[in-house]
N, C-alpha and C. Protein backbone atom coordinates (compact mmCIF):
# COMPACT_ATOMS: atom_id res chain seq x y z
N MET A 1 86.46 139.80 69.63
CA MET A 1 86.25 141.23 69.75
C MET A 1 86.41 141.91 68.39
N ASN A 2 87.41 141.53 67.64
CA ASN A 2 87.67 142.11 66.34
C ASN A 2 86.53 141.82 65.36
N LYS A 3 85.94 140.63 65.44
CA LYS A 3 84.81 140.27 64.57
C LYS A 3 83.58 141.10 64.91
N ALA A 4 83.34 141.33 66.18
CA ALA A 4 82.18 142.12 66.60
C ALA A 4 82.32 143.56 66.10
N LEU A 5 83.51 144.13 66.23
CA LEU A 5 83.75 145.49 65.76
C LEU A 5 83.59 145.58 64.24
N SER A 6 84.10 144.58 63.54
CA SER A 6 83.95 144.53 62.08
C SER A 6 82.49 144.43 61.67
N LEU A 7 81.72 143.64 62.40
CA LEU A 7 80.29 143.49 62.12
C LEU A 7 79.55 144.81 62.33
N ILE A 8 79.87 145.52 63.40
CA ILE A 8 79.22 146.81 63.68
C ILE A 8 79.55 147.82 62.58
N VAL A 9 80.81 147.88 62.19
CA VAL A 9 81.23 148.80 61.12
C VAL A 9 80.52 148.44 59.81
N PHE A 10 80.45 147.15 59.50
CA PHE A 10 79.75 146.69 58.29
C PHE A 10 78.28 147.09 58.31
N LEU A 11 77.60 146.91 59.44
CA LEU A 11 76.18 147.27 59.54
C LEU A 11 75.97 148.77 59.39
N LEU A 12 76.86 149.57 59.98
CA LEU A 12 76.74 151.02 59.83
C LEU A 12 76.95 151.46 58.38
N LEU A 13 77.91 150.84 57.70
CA LEU A 13 78.14 151.15 56.29
C LEU A 13 76.97 150.71 55.42
N ALA A 14 76.42 149.54 55.71
CA ALA A 14 75.27 149.05 54.95
C ALA A 14 74.08 149.98 55.12
N ASN A 15 73.87 150.47 56.33
CA ASN A 15 72.77 151.40 56.58
C ASN A 15 72.97 152.69 55.80
N ALA A 16 74.20 153.18 55.74
CA ALA A 16 74.49 154.40 54.98
C ALA A 16 74.30 154.18 53.48
N CYS A 17 74.62 152.98 53.01
CA CYS A 17 74.47 152.68 51.58
C CYS A 17 73.02 152.65 51.15
N PHE A 18 72.15 152.26 52.06
CA PHE A 18 70.74 152.15 51.71
C PHE A 18 69.97 153.44 51.98
N ALA A 19 70.66 154.49 52.37
CA ALA A 19 69.99 155.78 52.57
C ALA A 19 69.38 156.21 51.25
N GLN A 20 68.16 156.77 51.32
CA GLN A 20 67.41 157.04 50.10
C GLN A 20 67.14 158.51 49.89
N LYS A 21 67.98 159.37 50.41
CA LYS A 21 67.71 160.80 50.31
C LYS A 21 67.63 161.27 48.87
N GLY A 22 68.50 160.81 48.00
CA GLY A 22 68.48 161.23 46.60
C GLY A 22 67.28 160.71 45.84
N LYS A 23 66.82 159.54 46.18
CA LYS A 23 65.72 158.91 45.47
C LYS A 23 64.36 159.42 45.95
N ASP A 24 64.31 160.01 47.14
CA ASP A 24 63.05 160.45 47.72
C ASP A 24 62.44 161.65 47.02
N THR A 25 63.21 162.34 46.18
CA THR A 25 62.71 163.57 45.59
C THR A 25 61.44 163.34 44.78
N VAL A 26 61.29 162.19 44.13
CA VAL A 26 60.07 161.91 43.35
C VAL A 26 58.86 161.93 44.26
N VAL A 27 58.92 161.22 45.37
CA VAL A 27 57.78 161.11 46.26
C VAL A 27 57.49 162.43 46.96
N TYR A 28 58.52 163.12 47.41
CA TYR A 28 58.31 164.35 48.16
C TYR A 28 57.97 165.55 47.27
N ASN A 29 58.14 165.44 45.96
CA ASN A 29 57.82 166.53 45.04
C ASN A 29 56.49 166.33 44.32
N LEU A 30 55.74 165.31 44.68
CA LEU A 30 54.41 165.13 44.08
C LEU A 30 53.48 166.25 44.56
N PRO A 31 52.57 166.73 43.71
CA PRO A 31 51.69 167.85 44.09
C PRO A 31 50.55 167.42 45.02
N VAL A 32 50.86 167.37 46.32
CA VAL A 32 49.88 166.96 47.32
C VAL A 32 49.38 168.21 48.04
N PHE A 33 48.05 168.39 48.06
CA PHE A 33 47.42 169.50 48.74
C PHE A 33 46.38 168.94 49.70
N ASP A 34 46.52 169.26 50.97
CA ASP A 34 45.61 168.75 52.01
C ASP A 34 45.45 167.24 51.94
N GLY A 35 46.55 166.54 51.70
CA GLY A 35 46.53 165.08 51.66
C GLY A 35 46.03 164.47 50.37
N LYS A 36 45.68 165.30 49.38
CA LYS A 36 45.17 164.81 48.10
C LYS A 36 46.18 165.11 47.00
N LEU A 37 46.36 164.14 46.12
CA LEU A 37 47.25 164.30 44.97
C LEU A 37 46.47 164.97 43.85
N ILE A 38 46.86 166.22 43.51
CA ILE A 38 46.15 167.00 42.51
C ILE A 38 47.16 167.69 41.60
N TYR A 39 47.07 167.40 40.31
CA TYR A 39 47.88 168.07 39.30
C TYR A 39 47.00 169.18 38.72
N THR A 40 47.42 170.42 38.86
CA THR A 40 46.61 171.53 38.37
C THR A 40 47.49 172.69 37.93
N ASP A 41 47.00 173.43 36.95
CA ASP A 41 47.71 174.61 36.48
C ASP A 41 46.77 175.40 35.58
N SER A 42 47.09 176.66 35.38
CA SER A 42 46.37 177.53 34.45
C SER A 42 47.38 178.02 33.42
N ILE A 43 47.02 177.91 32.15
CA ILE A 43 47.94 178.21 31.06
C ILE A 43 47.35 179.31 30.18
N GLU A 44 48.19 180.25 29.77
CA GLU A 44 47.77 181.30 28.85
C GLU A 44 48.11 180.87 27.43
N VAL A 45 47.14 181.02 26.52
CA VAL A 45 47.33 180.71 25.10
C VAL A 45 46.87 181.94 24.33
N LYS A 46 47.81 182.67 23.77
CA LYS A 46 47.48 183.92 23.06
C LYS A 46 46.70 183.64 21.78
N GLY A 47 45.72 184.48 21.51
CA GLY A 47 44.99 184.43 20.25
C GLY A 47 43.97 183.31 20.14
N ARG A 48 43.52 182.74 21.24
CA ARG A 48 42.51 181.66 21.21
C ARG A 48 41.30 182.08 22.03
N ASP A 49 40.13 181.97 21.42
CA ASP A 49 38.92 182.27 22.17
C ASP A 49 38.47 181.02 22.92
N SER A 50 37.50 181.17 23.77
CA SER A 50 37.06 180.06 24.62
C SER A 50 36.44 178.92 23.81
N THR A 51 35.74 179.23 22.72
CA THR A 51 35.13 178.18 21.89
C THR A 51 36.19 177.32 21.22
N THR A 52 37.23 177.95 20.68
CA THR A 52 38.32 177.21 20.05
C THR A 52 39.04 176.34 21.07
N LEU A 53 39.36 176.90 22.23
CA LEU A 53 40.03 176.13 23.27
C LEU A 53 39.16 174.98 23.76
N ASP A 54 37.87 175.23 23.88
CA ASP A 54 36.94 174.18 24.32
C ASP A 54 36.93 173.02 23.32
N THR A 55 36.86 173.34 22.04
CA THR A 55 36.88 172.31 20.99
C THR A 55 38.19 171.53 21.02
N MET A 56 39.30 172.25 21.17
CA MET A 56 40.61 171.59 21.21
C MET A 56 40.74 170.68 22.43
N ALA A 57 40.22 171.12 23.58
CA ALA A 57 40.29 170.32 24.80
C ALA A 57 39.50 169.02 24.65
N LYS A 58 38.30 169.11 24.10
CA LYS A 58 37.48 167.91 23.91
C LYS A 58 38.11 166.95 22.90
N LYS A 59 38.65 167.52 21.82
CA LYS A 59 39.30 166.69 20.81
C LYS A 59 40.53 166.00 21.40
N TRP A 60 41.33 166.73 22.17
CA TRP A 60 42.50 166.13 22.80
C TRP A 60 42.08 165.01 23.74
N PHE A 61 41.11 165.28 24.60
CA PHE A 61 40.71 164.26 25.59
C PHE A 61 40.23 162.99 24.91
N ASN A 62 39.38 163.13 23.91
CA ASN A 62 38.83 161.95 23.22
C ASN A 62 39.89 161.16 22.46
N SER A 63 40.96 161.82 22.02
CA SER A 63 42.00 161.07 21.31
C SER A 63 43.05 160.51 22.28
N TYR A 64 43.31 161.18 23.38
CA TYR A 64 44.35 160.73 24.31
C TYR A 64 43.85 159.61 25.22
N TYR A 65 42.66 159.77 25.76
CA TYR A 65 42.06 158.77 26.63
C TYR A 65 41.08 157.96 25.80
N VAL A 66 41.55 156.85 25.26
CA VAL A 66 40.70 156.03 24.39
C VAL A 66 39.50 155.50 25.16
N ALA A 67 39.71 155.09 26.40
CA ALA A 67 38.61 154.65 27.25
C ALA A 67 38.31 155.75 28.26
N HIS A 68 37.07 156.23 28.28
CA HIS A 68 36.70 157.29 29.21
C HIS A 68 35.20 157.28 29.44
N LYS A 69 34.81 157.99 30.48
CA LYS A 69 33.39 158.14 30.80
C LYS A 69 33.21 159.45 31.55
N ALA A 70 31.97 159.89 31.66
CA ALA A 70 31.68 161.11 32.40
C ALA A 70 32.04 160.90 33.87
N ASP A 71 32.62 161.91 34.50
CA ASP A 71 32.99 161.81 35.91
C ASP A 71 31.81 162.21 36.77
N THR A 72 31.16 161.23 37.34
CA THR A 72 30.02 161.48 38.22
C THR A 72 30.40 161.37 39.68
N THR A 73 31.68 161.13 39.97
CA THR A 73 32.10 160.94 41.35
C THR A 73 32.13 162.24 42.14
N GLN A 74 32.24 163.37 41.48
CA GLN A 74 32.38 164.65 42.18
C GLN A 74 31.07 165.43 42.30
N GLY A 75 29.98 164.87 41.82
CA GLY A 75 28.71 165.57 41.87
C GLY A 75 28.55 166.50 40.69
N LYS A 76 27.47 167.25 40.67
CA LYS A 76 27.17 168.11 39.52
C LYS A 76 27.73 169.52 39.68
N ASN A 77 28.43 169.80 40.78
CA ASN A 77 28.94 171.16 40.99
C ASN A 77 30.27 171.40 40.28
N ILE A 78 30.87 170.40 39.66
CA ILE A 78 32.12 170.56 38.92
C ILE A 78 31.76 170.91 37.47
N LYS A 79 32.24 172.05 37.00
CA LYS A 79 31.95 172.51 35.64
C LYS A 79 33.24 172.59 34.83
N GLY A 80 33.11 172.49 33.51
CA GLY A 80 34.26 172.64 32.65
C GLY A 80 33.97 172.14 31.26
N SER A 81 34.90 172.40 30.35
CA SER A 81 34.78 171.91 28.99
C SER A 81 34.84 170.39 28.98
N VAL A 82 35.74 169.85 29.80
CA VAL A 82 35.89 168.41 29.94
C VAL A 82 35.81 168.09 31.43
N VAL A 83 34.92 167.21 31.80
CA VAL A 83 34.84 166.68 33.15
C VAL A 83 34.59 165.19 32.99
N CYS A 84 35.68 164.43 32.92
CA CYS A 84 35.58 163.00 32.64
C CYS A 84 36.60 162.22 33.44
N GLN A 85 36.40 160.92 33.45
CA GLN A 85 37.40 160.00 33.95
C GLN A 85 38.00 159.29 32.75
N GLY A 86 39.32 159.23 32.70
CA GLY A 86 40.00 158.55 31.62
C GLY A 86 40.82 157.40 32.14
N ILE A 87 41.05 156.41 31.28
CA ILE A 87 41.85 155.24 31.64
C ILE A 87 43.09 155.20 30.76
N LEU A 88 44.25 155.00 31.41
CA LEU A 88 45.51 154.86 30.71
C LEU A 88 46.19 153.57 31.18
N GLU A 89 47.06 153.03 30.34
CA GLU A 89 47.86 151.87 30.69
C GLU A 89 49.31 152.32 30.88
N PHE A 90 50.01 151.65 31.81
CA PHE A 90 51.42 151.94 31.99
C PHE A 90 52.13 150.75 32.63
N HIS A 91 53.45 150.71 32.43
CA HIS A 91 54.32 149.73 33.08
C HIS A 91 55.07 150.46 34.19
N LEU A 92 55.46 149.72 35.21
CA LEU A 92 56.23 150.35 36.28
C LEU A 92 57.53 150.93 35.75
N SER A 93 58.23 150.17 34.94
CA SER A 93 59.48 150.63 34.36
C SER A 93 59.85 149.66 33.25
N PRO A 94 60.49 150.13 32.21
CA PRO A 94 60.87 149.20 31.14
C PRO A 94 61.79 148.08 31.61
N ASN A 95 62.61 148.34 32.60
CA ASN A 95 63.58 147.34 33.03
C ASN A 95 63.24 146.70 34.38
N LEU A 96 62.27 147.25 35.09
CA LEU A 96 62.00 146.77 36.45
C LEU A 96 61.06 145.57 36.44
N TYR A 97 59.81 145.80 36.20
CA TYR A 97 58.81 144.74 36.18
C TYR A 97 57.91 144.99 34.98
N ARG A 98 57.59 143.98 34.24
CA ARG A 98 56.78 144.12 33.04
C ARG A 98 55.29 143.99 33.36
N VAL A 99 54.91 144.33 34.56
CA VAL A 99 53.51 144.26 34.95
C VAL A 99 52.78 145.46 34.37
N LEU A 100 51.69 145.20 33.68
CA LEU A 100 50.88 146.26 33.09
C LEU A 100 49.86 146.74 34.12
N PHE A 101 49.74 148.05 34.25
CA PHE A 101 48.79 148.66 35.18
C PHE A 101 47.78 149.49 34.40
N TYR A 102 46.58 149.58 34.94
CA TYR A 102 45.56 150.52 34.47
C TYR A 102 45.48 151.65 35.48
N MET A 103 45.34 152.87 34.98
CA MET A 103 45.18 154.03 35.85
C MET A 103 43.91 154.77 35.45
N ILE A 104 43.10 155.08 36.43
CA ILE A 104 41.90 155.89 36.22
C ILE A 104 42.17 157.26 36.83
N VAL A 105 41.92 158.30 36.09
CA VAL A 105 42.16 159.66 36.55
C VAL A 105 40.97 160.55 36.17
N SER A 106 40.55 161.41 37.10
CA SER A 106 39.54 162.41 36.79
C SER A 106 40.23 163.61 36.16
N VAL A 107 39.67 164.09 35.05
CA VAL A 107 40.25 165.21 34.31
C VAL A 107 39.20 166.31 34.17
N GLN A 108 39.58 167.51 34.54
CA GLN A 108 38.72 168.68 34.37
C GLN A 108 39.52 169.73 33.61
N ILE A 109 38.95 170.22 32.52
CA ILE A 109 39.58 171.29 31.74
C ILE A 109 38.56 172.42 31.60
N LYS A 110 38.95 173.61 32.02
CA LYS A 110 38.10 174.79 31.89
C LYS A 110 38.76 175.73 30.88
N CYS A 111 37.97 176.29 29.99
CA CYS A 111 38.50 177.19 28.95
C CYS A 111 37.81 178.54 29.02
N TRP A 112 38.58 179.59 28.84
CA TRP A 112 38.06 180.94 28.68
C TRP A 112 39.00 181.69 27.76
N HIS A 113 38.70 182.90 27.43
CA HIS A 113 39.44 183.66 26.43
C HIS A 113 40.94 183.70 26.75
N ASN A 114 41.76 183.15 25.85
CA ASN A 114 43.23 183.13 25.95
C ASN A 114 43.78 182.31 27.12
N HIS A 115 42.97 181.52 27.78
CA HIS A 115 43.43 180.73 28.92
C HIS A 115 42.69 179.39 28.99
N TYR A 116 43.33 178.44 29.61
CA TYR A 116 42.66 177.21 30.02
C TYR A 116 43.33 176.73 31.31
N SER A 117 42.60 175.98 32.07
CA SER A 117 43.16 175.37 33.27
C SER A 117 42.82 173.89 33.25
N TYR A 118 43.67 173.11 33.86
CA TYR A 118 43.41 171.68 33.97
C TYR A 118 43.56 171.26 35.42
N LYS A 119 42.89 170.19 35.73
CA LYS A 119 42.99 169.58 37.04
C LYS A 119 42.89 168.07 36.82
N MET A 120 43.89 167.34 37.31
CA MET A 120 43.88 165.88 37.23
C MET A 120 44.03 165.36 38.65
N TRP A 121 43.04 164.59 39.08
CA TRP A 121 43.01 164.13 40.45
C TRP A 121 42.20 162.84 40.53
N ASN A 122 41.92 162.39 41.76
CA ASN A 122 41.13 161.18 41.98
C ASN A 122 41.75 160.00 41.21
N ILE A 123 43.05 159.83 41.38
CA ILE A 123 43.81 158.83 40.64
C ILE A 123 43.80 157.50 41.39
N HIS A 124 43.57 156.44 40.65
CA HIS A 124 43.64 155.07 41.18
C HIS A 124 44.26 154.18 40.11
N PHE A 125 45.00 153.18 40.54
CA PHE A 125 45.57 152.26 39.57
C PHE A 125 45.63 150.85 40.15
N ARG A 126 45.67 149.88 39.25
CA ARG A 126 45.76 148.47 39.64
C ARG A 126 46.38 147.67 38.51
N SER A 127 46.87 146.52 38.87
CA SER A 127 47.49 145.64 37.89
C SER A 127 46.43 145.11 36.94
N LYS A 128 46.79 144.93 35.68
CA LYS A 128 45.87 144.34 34.71
C LYS A 128 45.66 142.85 34.99
N SER A 129 46.66 142.21 35.58
CA SER A 129 46.61 140.78 35.83
C SER A 129 45.68 140.44 36.99
N GLY A 130 44.63 139.71 36.70
CA GLY A 130 43.73 139.25 37.75
C GLY A 130 44.42 138.30 38.71
N PHE A 131 45.36 137.51 38.18
CA PHE A 131 46.11 136.58 39.02
C PHE A 131 46.95 137.33 40.05
N LEU A 132 47.69 138.36 39.58
CA LEU A 132 48.50 139.15 40.52
C LEU A 132 47.63 139.88 41.53
N ASN A 133 46.49 140.39 41.09
CA ASN A 133 45.60 141.07 42.02
C ASN A 133 45.06 140.12 43.07
N ALA A 134 44.88 138.84 42.71
CA ALA A 134 44.37 137.85 43.65
C ALA A 134 45.42 137.45 44.69
N ILE A 135 46.70 137.35 44.27
CA ILE A 135 47.71 136.90 45.23
C ILE A 135 48.40 138.06 45.95
N TYR A 136 48.40 139.24 45.35
CA TYR A 136 49.03 140.39 45.98
C TYR A 136 48.11 141.59 45.83
N ASN A 137 47.70 142.13 46.92
CA ASN A 137 46.78 143.26 46.91
C ASN A 137 47.57 144.56 46.72
N TYR A 138 47.73 144.99 45.46
CA TYR A 138 48.43 146.24 45.19
C TYR A 138 47.59 147.40 45.73
N PRO A 139 48.17 148.27 46.55
CA PRO A 139 47.43 149.46 46.94
C PRO A 139 47.15 150.30 45.70
N SER A 140 45.93 150.75 45.52
CA SER A 140 45.55 151.45 44.30
C SER A 140 45.45 152.95 44.48
N ASP A 141 45.63 153.42 45.68
CA ASP A 141 45.45 154.83 45.98
C ASP A 141 46.81 155.50 46.19
N PRO A 142 47.21 156.44 45.32
CA PRO A 142 48.52 157.06 45.49
C PRO A 142 48.65 157.85 46.79
N GLU A 143 47.56 158.43 47.30
CA GLU A 143 47.64 159.16 48.56
C GLU A 143 48.04 158.20 49.70
N TYR A 144 47.48 156.99 49.68
CA TYR A 144 47.84 155.98 50.67
C TYR A 144 49.32 155.60 50.53
N LEU A 145 49.78 155.41 49.28
CA LEU A 145 51.18 155.05 49.05
C LEU A 145 52.13 156.15 49.52
N ILE A 146 51.76 157.40 49.30
CA ILE A 146 52.60 158.51 49.74
C ILE A 146 52.71 158.52 51.26
N LYS A 147 51.58 158.35 51.95
CA LYS A 147 51.60 158.30 53.42
C LYS A 147 52.43 157.12 53.90
N GLN A 148 52.25 155.97 53.26
CA GLN A 148 53.00 154.77 53.64
C GLN A 148 54.50 155.01 53.44
N TYR A 149 54.88 155.60 52.34
CA TYR A 149 56.28 155.84 52.03
C TYR A 149 56.93 156.77 53.05
N LYS A 150 56.20 157.76 53.51
CA LYS A 150 56.75 158.75 54.42
C LYS A 150 56.83 158.27 55.87
N GLN A 151 56.28 157.08 56.15
CA GLN A 151 56.43 156.53 57.49
C GLN A 151 57.90 156.24 57.76
N LYS A 152 58.29 156.39 59.02
CA LYS A 152 59.70 156.21 59.35
C LYS A 152 60.14 154.77 59.15
N HIS A 153 59.37 153.80 59.61
CA HIS A 153 59.71 152.39 59.47
C HIS A 153 58.53 151.65 58.86
N LEU A 154 58.81 150.82 57.88
CA LEU A 154 57.75 150.05 57.22
C LEU A 154 57.82 148.56 57.56
N GLY A 155 58.59 148.21 58.56
CA GLY A 155 58.64 146.82 58.97
C GLY A 155 59.86 146.10 58.42
N LEU A 156 59.78 144.77 58.44
CA LEU A 156 60.89 143.91 58.09
C LEU A 156 61.37 144.11 56.66
N LEU A 157 60.46 144.31 55.72
CA LEU A 157 60.82 144.44 54.31
C LEU A 157 60.87 145.91 53.88
N ASP A 158 61.38 146.76 54.76
CA ASP A 158 61.39 148.20 54.55
C ASP A 158 62.01 148.61 53.22
N ILE A 159 63.18 148.09 52.87
CA ILE A 159 63.88 148.51 51.66
C ILE A 159 63.07 148.14 50.42
N ASN A 160 62.58 146.91 50.34
CA ASN A 160 61.81 146.47 49.18
C ASN A 160 60.48 147.22 49.08
N THR A 161 59.81 147.44 50.22
CA THR A 161 58.54 148.16 50.21
C THR A 161 58.73 149.58 49.70
N ARG A 162 59.76 150.25 50.18
CA ARG A 162 60.02 151.62 49.72
C ARG A 162 60.36 151.64 48.23
N HIS A 163 61.15 150.69 47.81
CA HIS A 163 61.54 150.61 46.40
C HIS A 163 60.31 150.43 45.51
N MET A 164 59.43 149.50 45.85
CA MET A 164 58.24 149.25 45.05
C MET A 164 57.26 150.43 45.10
N THR A 165 57.11 151.04 46.27
CA THR A 165 56.23 152.19 46.39
C THR A 165 56.75 153.35 45.55
N ARG A 166 58.04 153.60 45.62
CA ARG A 166 58.64 154.67 44.82
C ARG A 166 58.48 154.37 43.32
N ALA A 167 58.66 153.10 42.93
CA ALA A 167 58.51 152.72 41.52
C ALA A 167 57.08 152.96 41.04
N ARG A 168 56.09 152.58 41.84
CA ARG A 168 54.68 152.78 41.45
C ARG A 168 54.35 154.26 41.34
N LEU A 169 54.76 155.05 42.34
CA LEU A 169 54.46 156.48 42.33
C LEU A 169 55.21 157.20 41.20
N SER A 170 56.44 156.81 40.94
CA SER A 170 57.21 157.42 39.87
C SER A 170 56.59 157.12 38.50
N ALA A 171 56.19 155.88 38.28
CA ALA A 171 55.56 155.51 37.00
C ALA A 171 54.24 156.23 36.82
N MET A 172 53.43 156.30 37.88
CA MET A 172 52.15 157.01 37.82
C MET A 172 52.39 158.49 37.54
N ASN A 173 53.36 159.10 38.19
CA ASN A 173 53.68 160.51 37.99
C ASN A 173 54.12 160.76 36.55
N ASN A 174 54.94 159.86 35.99
CA ASN A 174 55.39 160.01 34.61
C ASN A 174 54.23 159.95 33.63
N VAL A 175 53.26 159.08 33.88
CA VAL A 175 52.11 158.95 32.99
C VAL A 175 51.25 160.21 33.06
N VAL A 176 51.02 160.74 34.26
CA VAL A 176 50.21 161.96 34.39
C VAL A 176 50.94 163.15 33.77
N ARG A 177 52.24 163.26 34.01
CA ARG A 177 53.02 164.37 33.43
C ARG A 177 53.04 164.29 31.90
N ALA A 178 53.11 163.08 31.34
CA ALA A 178 53.06 162.93 29.89
C ALA A 178 51.69 163.36 29.36
N SER A 179 50.63 163.06 30.10
CA SER A 179 49.28 163.48 29.71
C SER A 179 49.18 165.01 29.71
N ILE A 180 49.75 165.63 30.73
CA ILE A 180 49.73 167.10 30.81
C ILE A 180 50.53 167.72 29.66
N ALA A 181 51.69 167.16 29.37
CA ALA A 181 52.52 167.66 28.26
C ALA A 181 51.77 167.53 26.93
N SER A 182 51.06 166.42 26.75
CA SER A 182 50.28 166.22 25.54
C SER A 182 49.15 167.26 25.44
N LEU A 183 48.48 167.52 26.55
CA LEU A 183 47.42 168.54 26.57
C LEU A 183 47.99 169.91 26.22
N ASN A 184 49.09 170.28 26.85
CA ASN A 184 49.69 171.59 26.58
C ASN A 184 50.10 171.74 25.14
N LYS A 185 50.64 170.68 24.55
CA LYS A 185 51.03 170.72 23.14
C LYS A 185 49.80 170.86 22.23
N ALA A 186 48.75 170.09 22.53
CA ALA A 186 47.53 170.16 21.71
C ALA A 186 46.86 171.54 21.80
N MET A 187 46.86 172.13 22.96
CA MET A 187 46.21 173.43 23.14
C MET A 187 47.04 174.56 22.52
N ALA A 188 48.35 174.38 22.38
CA ALA A 188 49.21 175.41 21.80
C ALA A 188 49.16 175.40 20.27
N ASN A 189 48.80 174.25 19.67
CA ASN A 189 48.78 174.14 18.20
C ASN A 189 47.52 174.69 17.60
């Protein structure tokens, strides 16, 4: 009887230890609108006309996203100084896994007198390793990962699945936020 009671207390304590309320803030604070992950904002830049801002936006994009192409996925109704897809590389974490990932993101920058707006969306990522992609199918869609993470139960490997999903989303969010910070700095100079 004493062993059974000790086991129950141990299981309850273990469940409390694995509670993830503090760690969930990354996933629950991602900018999701109508189920889509979209980073967007409008910034005021005093003393800059639309031509100067347009030139700065194009120069920033071409230097920050070494690999890029025109974004044809959204049709011709999307207008802006920059409407492209860019590719970035990132690691999940310096200490977690040294797996290199590629991320493709659609970037739209609109410029007008003393203002610019950006929108980064249509994000997908995958491992650079063909071997890892062959043996483990990494989900490449952050919207899918967010939905998966918010499910109440993820099955037998719930703790590991949540940990890996949070790591992927956190690394992706850090890369996009660094891109936005770089854009804001370039447009302010």
